[in-house]
C-alpha atoms as a PDB file:
ATOM      1  CA  MET A   1     -15.705  -6.128  29.398  1.00  0.00           C
ATOM      2  CA  THR A   2     -16.913  -7.603  26.141  1.00  0.00           C
ATOM      3  CA  SER A   3     -15.868 -11.182  25.461  1.00  0.00           C
ATOM      4  CA  GLY A   4     -14.659 -12.353  22.066  1.00  0.00           C
ATOM      5  CA  THR A   5     -11.511 -12.464  19.985  1.00  0.00           C
ATOM      6  CA  TRP A   6      -9.879  -9.103  19.346  1.00  0.00           C
ATOM      7  CA  VAL A   7      -7.177  -8.267  16.833  1.00  0.00           C
ATOM      8  CA  LEU A   8      -5.338  -5.080  15.881  1.00  0.00           C
ATOM      9  CA  GLY A   9      -4.319  -3.977  12.413  1.00  0.00           C
ATOM     10  CA  VAL A  10      -1.696  -1.272  11.806  1.00  0.00           C
ATOM     11  CA  ASP A  11      -0.828   0.534   8.539  1.00  0.00           C
ATOM     12  CA  SER A  12       2.259   2.728   8.622  1.00  0.00           C
ATOM     13  CA  GLY A  13       3.059   4.511   5.397  1.00  0.00           C
ATOM     14  CA  GLY A  14       3.902   7.759   3.724  1.00  0.00           C
ATOM     15  CA  SER A  15       0.534   9.315   4.488  1.00  0.00           C
ATOM     16  CA  GLY A  16       0.611   8.581   8.226  1.00  0.00           C
ATOM     17  CA  LEU A  17      -0.203   5.863  10.747  1.00  0.00           C
ATOM     18  CA  ARG A  18      -3.575   4.114  10.968  1.00  0.00           C
ATOM     19  CA  VAL A  19      -4.667   1.674  13.682  1.00  0.00           C
ATOM     20  CA  ALA A  20      -7.839  -0.416  13.653  1.00  0.00           C
ATOM     21  CA  LEU A  21      -9.378  -2.746  16.269  1.00  0.00           C
ATOM     22  CA  GLY A  22     -11.267  -5.732  14.923  1.00  0.00           C
ATOM     23  CA  ALA A  23     -13.564  -8.360  16.422  1.00  0.00           C
ATOM     24  CA  LEU A  24     -13.758 -11.879  15.098  1.00  0.00           C
ATOM     25  CA  PRO A  25     -17.071 -13.696  14.818  1.00  0.00           C
ATOM     26  CA  ARG A  26     -17.959 -15.821  17.794  1.00  0.00           C
ATOM     27  CA  GLY A  27     -16.723 -19.361  17.399  1.00  0.00           C
ATOM     28  CA  SER A  28     -13.641 -18.307  15.447  1.00  0.00           C
ATOM     29  CA  GLY A  29     -10.698 -20.546  16.176  1.00  0.00           C
ATOM     30  CA  SER A  30      -7.942 -22.581  14.659  1.00  0.00           C
ATOM     31  CA  GLY A  31      -9.061 -23.949  11.317  1.00  0.00           C
ATOM     32  CA  SER A  32     -12.316 -22.022  11.344  1.00  0.00           C
ATOM     33  CA  GLY A  33     -11.456 -20.327   8.081  1.00  0.00           C
ATOM     34  CA  SER A  34     -11.861 -16.817   9.463  1.00  0.00           C
ATOM     35  CA  GLY A  35      -9.900 -14.534   7.219  1.00  0.00           C
ATOM     36  CA  SER A  36      -8.640 -17.378   5.084  1.00  0.00           C
ATOM     37  CA  ASP A  37      -9.615 -16.317   1.609  1.00  0.00           C
ATOM     38  CA  ALA A  38     -11.732 -13.169   1.556  1.00  0.00           C
ATOM     39  CA  GLY A  39     -10.265  -9.812   0.754  1.00  0.00           C
ATOM     40  CA  GLY A  40     -10.956  -6.675   2.739  1.00  0.00           C
ATOM     41  CA  GLY A  41     -11.073  -7.486   6.465  1.00  0.00           C
ATOM     42  CA  GLY A  42     -11.173 -11.215   5.851  1.00  0.00           C
ATOM     43  CA  GLY A  43     -14.326 -11.704   7.948  1.00  0.00           C
ATOM     44  CA  VAL A  44     -13.091  -9.581  10.883  1.00  0.00           C
ATOM     45  CA  ARG A  45     -15.355  -6.704  11.866  1.00  0.00           C
ATOM     46  CA  ALA A  46     -13.638  -3.338  12.462  1.00  0.00           C
ATOM     47  CA  VAL A  47     -15.039  -1.726  15.602  1.00  0.00           C
ATOM     48  CA  GLY A  48     -12.885   1.432  15.748  1.00  0.00           C
ATOM     49  CA  SER A  49      -9.924   3.117  14.161  1.00  0.00           C
ATOM     50  CA  VAL A  50      -7.455   5.957  14.754  1.00  0.00           C
ATOM     51  CA  ALA A  51      -5.611   7.887  12.022  1.00  0.00           C
ATOM     52  CA  LEU A  52      -2.519   9.971  12.705  1.00  0.00           C
ATOM     53  CA  ALA A  53      -1.465  12.179   9.749  1.00  0.00           C
ATOM     54  CA  GLU A  54       2.232  12.438  10.464  1.00  0.00           C
ATOM     55  CA  PRO A  55       4.246   9.508   8.998  1.00  0.00           C
ATOM     56  CA  VAL A  56       6.570   7.543  11.241  1.00  0.00           C
ATOM     57  CA  ARG A  57      10.163   8.697  10.765  1.00  0.00           C
ATOM     58  CA  THR A  58      12.646   6.671   8.717  1.00  0.00           C
ATOM     59  CA  GLY A  59      16.296   7.401   9.326  1.00  0.00           C
ATOM     60  CA  ALA A  60      19.714   5.886   8.755  1.00  0.00           C
ATOM     61  CA  GLY A  61      18.782   3.046  11.143  1.00  0.00           C
ATOM     62  CA  GLY A  62      15.519   2.352   9.363  1.00  0.00           C
ATOM     63  CA  ILE A  63      11.950   2.824  10.526  1.00  0.00           C
ATOM     64  CA  ASP A  64      11.878   4.530  13.924  1.00  0.00           C
ATOM     65  CA  ALA A  65      10.530   1.796  16.205  1.00  0.00           C
ATOM     66  CA  ARG A  66      10.397   4.067  19.290  1.00  0.00           C
ATOM     67  CA  GLN A  67       8.266   6.635  17.564  1.00  0.00           C
ATOM     68  CA  LEU A  68       5.966   3.960  16.106  1.00  0.00           C
ATOM     69  CA  LEU A  69       5.465   2.437  19.554  1.00  0.00           C
ATOM     70  CA  GLY A  70       4.890   5.858  21.099  1.00  0.00           C
ATOM     71  CA  ARG A  71       1.941   6.350  18.796  1.00  0.00           C
ATOM     72  CA  LEU A  72       0.680   2.809  18.433  1.00  0.00           C
ATOM     73  CA  VAL A  73       0.373   1.782  22.081  1.00  0.00           C
ATOM     74  CA  PRO A  74      -1.769   4.775  23.252  1.00  0.00           C
ATOM     75  CA  ALA A  75      -3.960   4.437  20.124  1.00  0.00           C
ATOM     76  CA  ALA A  76      -4.424   0.704  20.776  1.00  0.00           C
ATOM     77  CA  GLU A  77      -5.184   1.212  24.476  1.00  0.00           C
ATOM     78  CA  GLY A  78      -7.762   3.851  23.618  1.00  0.00           C
ATOM     79  CA  LEU A  79      -9.486   1.623  21.104  1.00  0.00           C
ATOM     80  CA  LEU A  80      -9.584  -1.326  23.503  1.00  0.00           C
ATOM     81  CA  ARG A  81     -10.949   0.866  26.289  1.00  0.00           C
ATOM     82  CA  ARG A  82     -13.712   2.377  24.129  1.00  0.00           C
ATOM     83  CA  ALA A  83     -14.749  -1.025  22.817  1.00  0.00           C
ATOM     84  CA  GLY A  84     -14.694  -2.607  26.280  1.00  0.00           C
ATOM     85  CA  ALA A  85     -12.469  -5.264  24.727  1.00  0.00           C
ATOM     86  CA  GLY A  86     -10.368  -7.883  26.406  1.00  0.00           C
ATOM     87  CA  ARG A  87      -6.858  -9.020  25.578  1.00  0.00           C
ATOM     88  CA  LEU A  88      -5.695  -8.856  21.981  1.00  0.00           C
ATOM     89  CA  ALA A  89      -5.229 -12.215  20.266  1.00  0.00           C
ATOM     90  CA  ALA A  90      -2.964 -10.898  17.512  1.00  0.00           C
ATOM     91  CA  VAL A  91      -1.510  -7.753  15.990  1.00  0.00           C
ATOM     92  CA  ALA A  92      -0.376  -7.242  12.359  1.00  0.00           C
ATOM     93  CA  VAL A  93       1.766  -4.271  11.411  1.00  0.00           C
ATOM     94  CA  GLY A  94       2.136  -3.338   7.764  1.00  0.00           C
ATOM     95  CA  ALA A  95       4.894  -0.798   7.231  1.00  0.00           C
ATOM     96  CA  ALA A  96       6.392   0.920   4.226  1.00  0.00           C
ATOM     97  CA  GLY A  97      10.075   0.039   3.985  1.00  0.00           C
ATOM     98  CA  MET A  98       9.780  -3.135   6.037  1.00  0.00           C
ATOM     99  CA  ALA A  99      11.760  -5.203   3.519  1.00  0.00           C
ATOM    100  CA  THR A 100      14.824  -2.989   3.489  1.00  0.00           C
ATOM    101  CA  LEU A 101      14.485  -0.672   6.535  1.00  0.00           C
ATOM    102  CA  GLY A 102      12.683  -2.842   9.082  1.00  0.00           C
ATOM    103  CA  ASP A 103      15.535  -4.270  11.197  1.00  0.00           C
ATOM    104  CA  GLU A 104      14.800  -2.023  14.174  1.00  0.00           C
ATOM    105  CA  LEU A 105      11.115  -2.906  14.087  1.00  0.00           C
ATOM    106  CA  ARG A 106      11.879  -6.609  13.981  1.00  0.00           C
ATOM    107  CA  ALA A 107      14.277  -6.285  16.906  1.00  0.00           C
ATOM    108  CA  THR A 108      12.064  -4.040  19.063  1.00  0.00           C
ATOM    109  CA  LEU A 109       8.358  -4.548  18.434  1.00  0.00           C
ATOM    110  CA  PRO A 110       7.776  -8.150  19.573  1.00  0.00           C
ATOM    111  CA  GLN A 111       8.993  -7.715  23.133  1.00  0.00           C
ATOM    112  CA  ALA A 112       7.694  -4.133  23.424  1.00  0.00           C
ATOM    113  CA  LEU A 113       4.157  -5.116  22.369  1.00  0.00           C
ATOM    114  CA  ARG A 114       4.252  -8.127  24.662  1.00  0.00           C
ATOM    115  CA  ARG A 115       5.125  -5.895  27.616  1.00  0.00           C
ATOM    116  CA  SER A 116       2.733  -3.055  26.827  1.00  0.00           C
ATOM    117  CA  LEU A 117      -0.315  -4.854  25.404  1.00  0.00           C
ATOM    118  CA  GLY A 118       0.207  -8.517  26.311  1.00  0.00           C
ATOM    119  CA  VAL A 119       0.177  -9.478  22.642  1.00  0.00           C
ATOM    120  CA  PRO A 120       0.662 -13.231  22.118  1.00  0.00           C
ATOM    121  CA  ARG A 121       1.028 -13.197  18.265  1.00  0.00           C
ATOM    122  CA  LEU A 122       2.558 -10.557  16.016  1.00  0.00           C
ATOM    123  CA  ALA A 123       2.909 -10.327  12.251  1.00  0.00           C
ATOM    124  CA  LEU A 124       5.275  -7.786  10.664  1.00  0.00           C
ATOM    125  CA  ALA A 125       4.660  -7.206   6.963  1.00  0.00           C
ATOM    126  CA  ALA A 126       5.693  -4.988   4.114  1.00  0.00           C
ATOM    127  CA  ASP A 127       2.895  -2.568   3.278  1.00  0.00           C
ATOM    128  CA  ALA A 128       2.667  -4.197  -0.172  1.00  0.00           C
ATOM    129  CA  VAL A 129       1.758  -7.487   1.581  1.00  0.00           C
ATOM    130  CA  THR A 130      -1.033  -5.883   3.597  1.00  0.00           C
ATOM    131  CA  ALA A 131      -2.217  -4.121   0.458  1.00  0.00           C
ATOM    132  CA  TYR A 132      -2.359  -7.585  -1.191  1.00  0.00           C
ATOM    133  CA  ALA A 133      -4.233  -9.084   1.782  1.00  0.00           C
ATOM    134  CA  GLY A 134      -6.737  -6.221   1.739  1.00  0.00           C
ATOM    135  CA  ALA A 135      -7.311  -6.469  -1.985  1.00  0.00           C
ATOM    136  CA  LEU A 136      -7.352 -10.257  -2.600  1.00  0.00           C
ATOM    137  CA  GLY A 137      -7.226 -11.913   0.787  1.00  0.00           C
ATOM    138  CA  GLN A 138      -5.305 -15.190   0.696  1.00  0.00           C
ATOM    139  CA  ARG A 139      -5.982 -16.168  -2.912  1.00  0.00           C
ATOM    140  CA  PRO A 140      -3.232 -16.534  -5.506  1.00  0.00           C
ATOM    141  CA  GLY A 141      -2.940 -13.657  -7.929  1.00  0.00           C
ATOM    142  CA  ALA A 142      -1.381 -10.183  -8.215  1.00  0.00           C
ATOM    143  CA  VAL A 143      -1.979  -6.753  -6.783  1.00  0.00           C
ATOM    144  CA  VAL A 144      -0.664  -3.434  -8.131  1.00  0.00           C
ATOM    145  CA  ALA A 145      -0.519  -0.805  -5.444  1.00  0.00           C
ATOM    146  CA  ALA A 146      -0.095   2.624  -7.055  1.00  0.00           C
ATOM    147  CA  GLY A 147      -0.194   6.164  -5.732  1.00  0.00           C
ATOM    148  CA  THR A 148       2.788   8.436  -5.576  1.00  0.00           C
ATOM    149  CA  GLY A 149       4.896   5.289  -6.057  1.00  0.00           C
ATOM    150  CA  LEU A 150       4.126   1.880  -7.560  1.00  0.00           C
ATOM    151  CA  ILE A 151       4.779  -1.737  -6.664  1.00  0.00           C
ATOM    152  CA  ALA A 152       3.340  -4.975  -7.962  1.00  0.00           C
ATOM    153  CA  LEU A 153       3.180  -8.085  -5.727  1.00  0.00           C
ATOM    154  CA  GLY A 154       2.064 -11.583  -6.641  1.00  0.00           C
ATOM    155  CA  THR A 155       1.934 -14.966  -5.011  1.00  0.00           C
ATOM    156  CA  ASP A 156       1.094 -18.551  -5.765  1.00  0.00           C
ATOM    157  CA  LEU A 157       0.870 -19.057  -1.954  1.00  0.00           C
ATOM    158  CA  ARG A 158       4.329 -20.660  -1.959  1.00  0.00           C
ATOM    159  CA  GLY A 159       6.373 -17.474  -2.243  1.00  0.00           C
ATOM    160  CA  TRP A 160       6.205 -13.801  -3.207  1.00  0.00           C
ATOM    161  CA  SER A 161       7.134 -12.110  -6.487  1.00  0.00           C
ATOM    162  CA  ARG A 162       7.755  -8.385  -6.565  1.00  0.00           C
ATOM    163  CA  ALA A 163       8.174  -5.895  -9.414  1.00  0.00           C
ATOM    164  CA  ASP A 164       9.205  -2.286  -9.202  1.00  0.00           C
ATOM    165  CA  GLY A 165       8.779  -0.288  -6.040  1.00  0.00           C
ATOM    166  CA  TRP A 166      12.276   1.114  -6.592  1.00  0.00           C
ATOM    167  CA  GLY A 167      11.393   4.733  -5.910  1.00  0.00           C
ATOM    168  CA  HIS A 168      10.977   7.723  -8.189  1.00  0.00           C
ATOM    169  CA  LEU A 169      14.650   7.918  -9.220  1.00  0.00           C
ATOM    170  CA  LEU A 170      15.088   4.264 -10.177  1.00  0.00           C
ATOM    171  CA  GLY A 171      11.611   3.071 -11.035  1.00  0.00           C
ATOM    172  CA  ASP A 172       7.991   3.364  -9.831  1.00  0.00           C
ATOM    173  CA  CYS A 173       7.229   3.366 -13.547  1.00  0.00           C
ATOM    174  CA  GLY A 174       3.612   4.383 -14.289  1.00  0.00           C
ATOM    175  CA  SER A 175       3.107   5.820 -10.776  1.00  0.00           C
ATOM    176  CA  GLY A 176       1.740   9.255  -9.927  1.00  0.00           C
ATOM    177  CA  ALA A 177       5.307  10.624  -9.593  1.00  0.00           C
ATOM    178  CA  TRP A 178       6.257   9.052 -12.936  1.00  0.00           C
ATOM    179  CA  ILE A 179       3.205  10.531 -14.681  1.00  0.00           C
ATOM    180  CA  GLY A 180       3.781  13.958 -13.104  1.00  0.00           C
ATOM    181  CA  ARG A 181       7.455  13.957 -14.103  1.00  0.00           C
ATOM    182  CA  ALA A 182       6.634  12.930 -17.676  1.00  0.00           C
ATOM    183  CA  GLY A 183       4.013  15.695 -17.855  1.00  0.00           C
ATOM    184  CA  LEU A 184       6.464  18.275 -16.593  1.00  0.00           C
ATOM    185  CA  GLU A 185       9.071  17.129 -19.083  1.00  0.00           C
ATOM    186  CA  ALA A 186       6.522  17.532 -21.923  1.00  0.00           C
ATOM    187  CA  ALA A 187       5.729  21.015 -20.633  1.00  0.00           C
ATOM    188  CA  LEU A 188       9.341  22.046 -20.585  1.00  0.00           C
ATOM    189  CA  ARG A 189       9.877  20.677 -24.087  1.00  0.00           C
ATOM    190  CA  ALA A 190       7.107  23.010 -25.231  1.00  0.00           C
ATOM    191  CA  HIS A 191       8.744  25.837 -23.303  1.00  0.00           C
ATOM    192  CA  ASP A 192      12.082  25.162 -25.089  1.00  0.00           C
ATOM    193  CA  GLY A 193      10.549  24.572 -28.516  1.00  0.00           C
ATOM    194  CA  ARG A 194      11.751  20.940 -28.612  1.00  0.00           C
ATOM    195  CA  PRO A 195       9.741  18.116 -30.249  1.00  0.00           C
ATOM    196  CA  GLY A 196       7.342  16.191 -28.044  1.00  0.00           C
ATOM    197  CA  GLY A 197       6.174  19.219 -26.084  1.00  0.00           C
ATOM    198  CA  SER A 198       2.674  20.081 -24.928  1.00  0.00           C
ATOM    199  CA  GLU A 199       1.349  23.652 -24.805  1.00  0.00           C
ATOM    200  CA  PRO A 200      -1.647  22.630 -22.676  1.00  0.00           C
ATOM    201  CA  LEU A 201       0.669  21.046 -20.102  1.00  0.00           C
ATOM    202  CA  LEU A 202       2.912  24.112 -20.209  1.00  0.00           C
ATOM    203  CA  ALA A 203      -0.119  26.245 -19.438  1.00  0.00           C
ATOM    204  CA  ARG A 204      -0.916  24.033 -16.453  1.00  0.00           C
ATOM    205  CA  VAL A 205       2.648  24.308 -15.187  1.00  0.00           C
ATOM    206  CA  ARG A 206       2.397  28.092 -15.185  1.00  0.00           C
ATOM    207  CA  ALA A 207      -0.970  27.919 -13.378  1.00  0.00           C
ATOM    208  CA  VAL A 208       0.208  25.418 -10.743  1.00  0.00           C
ATOM    209  CA  PHE A 209       3.901  26.198 -10.210  1.00  0.00           C
ATOM    210  CA  GLY A 210       4.471  29.609 -11.763  1.00  0.00           C
ATOM    211  CA  PRO A 211       7.257  30.407 -14.252  1.00  0.00           C
ATOM    212  CA  PRO A 212       8.801  27.239 -15.714  1.00  0.00           C
ATOM    213  CA  ALA A 213      12.301  28.500 -14.917  1.00  0.00           C
ATOM    214  CA  ALA A 214      11.416  28.265 -11.217  1.00  0.00           C
ATOM    215  CA  LEU A 215      10.706  24.484 -11.381  1.00  0.00           C
ATOM    216  CA  PRO A 216      14.209  23.239 -10.553  1.00  0.00           C
ATOM    217  CA  GLY A 217      14.370  25.354  -7.428  1.00  0.00           C
ATOM    218  CA  LEU A 218      10.904  24.182  -6.450  1.00  0.00           C
ATOM    219  CA  LEU A 219      11.636  20.488  -6.953  1.00  0.00           C
ATOM    220  CA  TYR A 220      15.277  19.568  -6.400  1.00  0.00           C
ATOM    221  CA  PRO A 221      15.741  20.690  -2.784  1.00  0.00           C
ATOM    222  CA  ARG A 222      12.435  19.120  -1.616  1.00  0.00           C
ATOM    223  CA  ALA A 223      12.536  16.008   0.574  1.00  0.00           C
ATOM    224  CA  ASP A 224       8.970  15.299  -0.608  1.00  0.00           C
ATOM    225  CA  ARG A 225       9.891  15.579  -4.294  1.00  0.00           C
ATOM    226  CA  PRO A 226       7.959  12.425  -5.308  1.00  0.00           C
ATOM    227  CA  ALA A 227       4.750  13.852  -3.821  1.00  0.00           C
ATOM    228  CA  VAL A 228       5.285  17.180  -5.622  1.00  0.00           C
ATOM    229  CA  LEU A 229       5.830  15.352  -8.912  1.00  0.00           C
ATOM    230  CA  ALA A 230       2.702  13.218  -8.302  1.00  0.00           C
ATOM    231  CA  SER A 231       0.673  16.361  -7.620  1.00  0.00           C
ATOM    232  CA  PHE A 232       0.946  17.176 -11.331  1.00  0.00           C
ATOM    233  CA  ALA A 233      -0.487  13.786 -12.451  1.00  0.00           C
ATOM    234  CA  PRO A 234      -4.125  15.050 -12.226  1.00  0.00           C
ATOM    235  CA  GLU A 235      -3.197  17.917 -14.540  1.00  0.00           C
ATOM    236  CA  VAL A 236      -1.858  15.371 -17.074  1.00  0.00           C
ATOM    237  CA  ALA A 237      -5.152  13.508 -16.877  1.00  0.00           C
ATOM    238  CA  ARG A 238      -7.095  16.761 -17.235  1.00  0.00           C
ATOM    239  CA  CYS A 239      -5.185  17.705 -20.358  1.00  0.00           C
ATOM    240  CA  ALA A 240      -5.688  14.201 -21.789  1.00  0.00           C
ATOM    241  CA  THR A 241      -9.430  14.498 -21.174  1.00  0.00           C
ATOM    242  CA  GLU A 242      -9.440  17.828 -23.024  1.00  0.00           C
ATOM    243  CA  GLY A 243      -7.849  16.249 -26.082  1.00  0.00           C
ATOM    244  CA  ASP A 244      -4.094  16.798 -25.636  1.00  0.00           C
ATOM    245  CA  THR A 245      -2.461  13.850 -27.464  1.00  0.00           C
ATOM    246  CA  VAL A 246       0.866  14.314 -25.621  1.00  0.00           C
ATOM    247  CA  ALA A 247      -0.801  13.981 -22.249  1.00  0.00           C
ATOM    248  CA  ALA A 248      -2.831  11.015 -23.488  1.00  0.00           C
ATOM    249  CA  GLY A 249       0.416   9.414 -24.646  1.00  0.00           C
ATOM    250  CA  VAL A 250       1.951   9.835 -21.177  1.00  0.00           C
ATOM    251  CA  LEU A 251      -0.991   7.987 -19.633  1.00  0.00           C
ATOM    252  CA  ALA A 252      -0.882   5.269 -22.317  1.00  0.00           C
ATOM    253  CA  ARG A 253       2.810   4.653 -21.467  1.00  0.00           C
ATOM    254  CA  ALA A 254       1.988   4.587 -17.738  1.00  0.00           C
ATOM    255  CA  ALA A 255      -0.663   1.959 -18.460  1.00  0.00           C
ATOM    256  CA  ARG A 256       1.851  -0.247 -20.256  1.00  0.00           C
ATOM    257  CA  HIS A 257       4.290   0.053 -17.350  1.00  0.00           C
ATOM    258  CA  ILE A 258       1.561  -0.925 -14.869  1.00  0.00           C
ATOM    259  CA  ALA A 259       0.468  -3.893 -16.959  1.00  0.00           C
ATOM    260  CA  GLU A 260       4.107  -5.060 -17.369  1.00  0.00           C
ATOM    261  CA  ALA A 261       4.637  -4.954 -13.612  1.00  0.00           C
ATOM    262  CA  ALA A 262       1.454  -6.945 -12.999  1.00  0.00           C
ATOM    263  CA  ALA A 263       2.433  -9.541 -15.647  1.00  0.00           C
ATOM    264  CA  ALA A 264       5.877  -9.927 -14.095  1.00  0.00           C
ATOM    265  CA  VAL A 265       4.436 -11.102 -10.725  1.00  0.00           C
ATOM    266  CA  CYS A 266       1.120 -12.783 -11.533  1.00  0.00           C
ATOM    267  CA  PRO A 267       1.378 -16.586 -11.277  1.00  0.00           C
ATOM    268  CA  ARG A 268       0.036 -18.456 -14.279  1.00  0.00           C
ATOM    269  CA  GLY A 269      -3.002 -20.605 -13.859  1.00  0.00           C
ATOM    270  CA  GLU A 270      -6.763 -20.654 -14.329  1.00  0.00           C
ATOM    271  CA  ASP A 271      -8.937 -18.033 -12.722  1.00  0.00           C
ATOM    272  CA  ARG A 272      -6.061 -15.818 -11.631  1.00  0.00           C
ATOM    273  CA  GLU A 273      -7.100 -12.406 -10.344  1.00  0.00           C
ATOM    274  CA  VAL A 274      -5.348  -9.023 -10.593  1.00  0.00           C
ATOM    275  CA  ALA A 275      -6.470  -6.222  -8.272  1.00  0.00           C
ATOM    276  CA  LEU A 276      -5.611  -2.537  -8.579  1.00  0.00           C
ATOM    277  CA  THR A 277      -5.413  -0.535  -5.390  1.00  0.00           C
ATOM    278  CA  GLY A 278      -4.278   2.960  -4.473  1.00  0.00           C
ATOM    279  CA  GLY A 279      -5.113   6.574  -5.243  1.00  0.00           C
ATOM    280  CA  LEU A 280      -3.647   6.557  -8.746  1.00  0.00           C
ATOM    281  CA  PHE A 281      -6.545   4.491 -10.043  1.00  0.00           C
ATOM    282  CA  ARG A 282      -8.926   7.255  -9.103  1.00  0.00           C
ATOM    283  CA  THR A 283      -7.425   9.188 -12.033  1.00  0.00           C
ATOM    284  CA  GLY A 284     -10.334   7.984 -14.163  1.00  0.00           C
ATOM    285  CA  GLU A 285     -10.811   6.917 -17.763  1.00  0.00           C
ATOM    286  CA  PRO A 286      -7.799   8.703 -19.240  1.00  0.00           C
ATOM    287  CA  LEU A 287      -5.631   6.135 -17.436  1.00  0.00           C
ATOM    288  CA  LEU A 288      -8.094   3.309 -16.929  1.00  0.00           C
ATOM    289  CA  SER A 289      -9.086   2.934 -20.564  1.00  0.00           C
ATOM    290  CA  PRO A 290      -5.536   2.278 -21.872  1.00  0.00           C
ATOM    291  CA  LEU A 291      -4.835   0.247 -18.715  1.00  0.00           C
ATOM    292  CA  ARG A 292      -7.678  -2.212 -19.441  1.00  0.00           C
ATOM    293  CA  ALA A 293      -6.293  -2.691 -22.954  1.00  0.00           C
ATOM    294  CA  ALA A 294      -2.715  -3.180 -21.677  1.00  0.00           C
ATOM    295  CA  LEU A 295      -3.780  -5.685 -19.021  1.00  0.00           C
ATOM    296  CA  ALA A 296      -5.773  -7.691 -21.575  1.00  0.00           C
ATOM    297  CA  GLU A 297      -2.661  -7.801 -23.795  1.00  0.00           C
ATOM    298  CA  HIS A 298      -0.142  -8.702 -21.073  1.00  0.00           C
ATOM    299  CA  LEU A 299      -2.376 -10.902 -18.845  1.00  0.00           C
ATOM    300  CA  PRO A 300      -4.879 -12.665 -21.108  1.00  0.00           C
ATOM    301  CA  TYR A 301      -5.220 -15.476 -18.530  1.00  0.00           C
ATOM    302  CA  ALA A 302      -6.125 -13.198 -15.596  1.00  0.00           C
ATOM    303  CA  ARG A 303      -9.263 -11.379 -14.523  1.00  0.00           C
ATOM    304  CA  VAL A 304      -9.082  -7.787 -13.268  1.00  0.00           C
ATOM    305  CA  VAL A 305     -11.123  -7.343 -10.113  1.00  0.00           C
ATOM    306  CA  THR A 306     -11.917  -4.512  -7.757  1.00  0.00           C
ATOM    307  CA  ALA A 307      -9.800  -4.483  -4.640  1.00  0.00           C
ATOM    308  CA  ALA A 308     -11.959  -5.622  -1.716  1.00  0.00           C
ATOM    309  CA  GLY A 309     -10.188  -3.408   0.780  1.00  0.00           C
ATOM    310  CA  ASP A 310      -7.142  -1.279   1.542  1.00  0.00           C
ATOM    311  CA  PRO A 311      -3.875  -1.976   3.431  1.00  0.00           C
ATOM    312  CA  LEU A 312      -5.479  -1.357   6.825  1.00  0.00           C
ATOM    313  CA  ASP A 313      -8.165  -3.924   6.013  1.00  0.00           C
ATOM    314  CA  GLY A 314      -5.329  -6.212   4.976  1.00  0.00           C
ATOM    315  CA  SER A 315      -3.569  -5.764   8.298  1.00  0.00           C
ATOM    316  CA  LEU A 316      -6.773  -6.754  10.112  1.00  0.00           C
ATOM    317  CA  ALA A 317      -7.159  -9.761   7.830  1.00  0.00           C
ATOM    318  CA  VAL A 318      -3.605 -10.942   8.518  1.00  0.00           C
ATOM    319  CA  ALA A 319      -4.104 -10.441  12.282  1.00  0.00           C
ATOM    320  CA  ALA A 320      -7.377 -12.419  12.118  1.00  0.00           C
ATOM    321  CA  ALA A 321      -5.751 -15.277  10.188  1.00  0.00           C
ATOM    322  CA  LEU A 322      -2.829 -15.314  12.624  1.00  0.00           C
ATOM    323  CA  ALA A 323      -5.208 -15.411  15.627  1.00  0.00           C
ATOM    324  CA  THR A 324      -7.212 -18.327  14.204  1.00  0.00           C
ATOM    325  CA  GLY A 325      -4.288 -20.361  12.805  1.00  0.00           C
ATOM    326  CA  THR A 326      -5.422 -19.891   9.198  1.00  0.00           C
ATOM    327  CA  LEU A 327      -2.581 -17.724   7.797  1.00  0.00           C
ATOM    328  CA  ARG A 328      -1.817 -19.080   4.335  1.00  0.00           C
ATOM    329  CA  LEU A 329       0.070 -16.163   2.828  1.00  0.00           C
ATOM    330  CA  PRO A 330       3.770 -17.028   2.429  1.00  0.00           C
ATOM    331  CA  ARG A 331       6.012 -16.209   5.361  1.00  0.00           C
ATOM    332  CA  GLU A 332       9.225 -14.720   3.963  1.00  0.00           C
ATOM    333  CA  PRO A 333      11.883 -12.475   5.557  1.00  0.00           C
ATOM    334  CA  GLY A 334      11.234  -8.837   4.842  1.00  0.00           C
ATOM    335  CA  MET A 335       7.813  -9.578   3.401  1.00  0.00           C
ATOM    336  CA  LEU A 336       5.700 -11.340   6.061  1.00  0.00           C
ATOM    337  CA  GLU A 337       7.123 -12.579   9.359  1.00  0.00           C
ATOM    338  CA  ALA A 338       4.976 -13.975  12.174  1.00  0.00           C
ATOM    339  CA  THR A 339       6.068 -14.425  15.801  1.00  0.00           C
ATOM    340  CA  THR A 340       4.337 -16.283  18.668  1.00  0.00           C
ATOM    341  CA  LEU A 341       5.025 -14.565  21.993  1.00  0.00           C
ATOM    342  CA  GLN A 342       4.540 -15.690  25.550  1.00  0.00           C
ATOM    343  CA  PRO A 343       1.606 -13.684  26.954  1.00  0.00           C
ATOM    344  CA  THR A 344       2.422 -11.486  29.890  1.00  0.00           C
ATOM    345  CA  THR A 345       0.566  -9.174  32.251  1.00  0.00           C
ATOM    346  CA  ARG A 346      -0.242  -5.803  30.771  1.00  0.00           C
ATOM    347  CA  ILE A 347       1.268  -2.784  32.468  1.00  0.00           C
END
């Protein structure tokens, strides 16, 4: 068995469940600073990970704690066994929907993980919080996490500020789903002969989805409608790159929405940082160029930085900080909650 301090990070989101085992540097302890400021893993070294593609179910009662445990515990045990690791010092779980749908997790996970893994410390966090920790660590600033959806989160280390994240029907403005929907609308305007339409986007609709008249039937019944909408965002970027001014205008509006969300949550002060994380920002220059201009206009006092890591890195960083007594990110119901448990014998 290898000695040392071991922590577990968990990222449960729309794309599946990921679990990572991390090792803290020797000598890490309370007040050591491990994981205190750095982004990414916060000084913790990942020694193994497991990725499960199927997302954890969310039903009327919230996130399915039983299903999460049924996947998490075997994955954790396998990682510990392969690493020859000892007892875990802390676990951090970042989950989509924690703020509004996490009651079952909060009621079930602490005792269940204590019984199954002997976990003495547990942090439950919204996935936006672990995205923040992965991107900026424990420094004040703002993070915009954008893929199919979009949420902005900021902190001055006294509390959290959130903007958007309301889903594709009520918000997520500037997200992949938002861009895809706006592109589809422009295509249908061209199909109808209404102003504001785009023939290049209409051509892409026909190539990707088939006849435009079939779109309602393809979209409205789908439970994964946001993902289907977001799948058209790369086509919008492609048309913008090829010179379509309507597509370019969609991306310029998306950039303004993103910058407005970042400005709404970023605390004022010197040397503030804003990090962008998520698959949307791999769209490339058609989005990034207007986004740089919009961020400079809305956040002249902040510096845009590259995210140091992703939400799984953030979960490991939170677990490391919890294990060493250096957790400085604000603890707030529904956002980040930490529990100290009485260790028990693993079974």
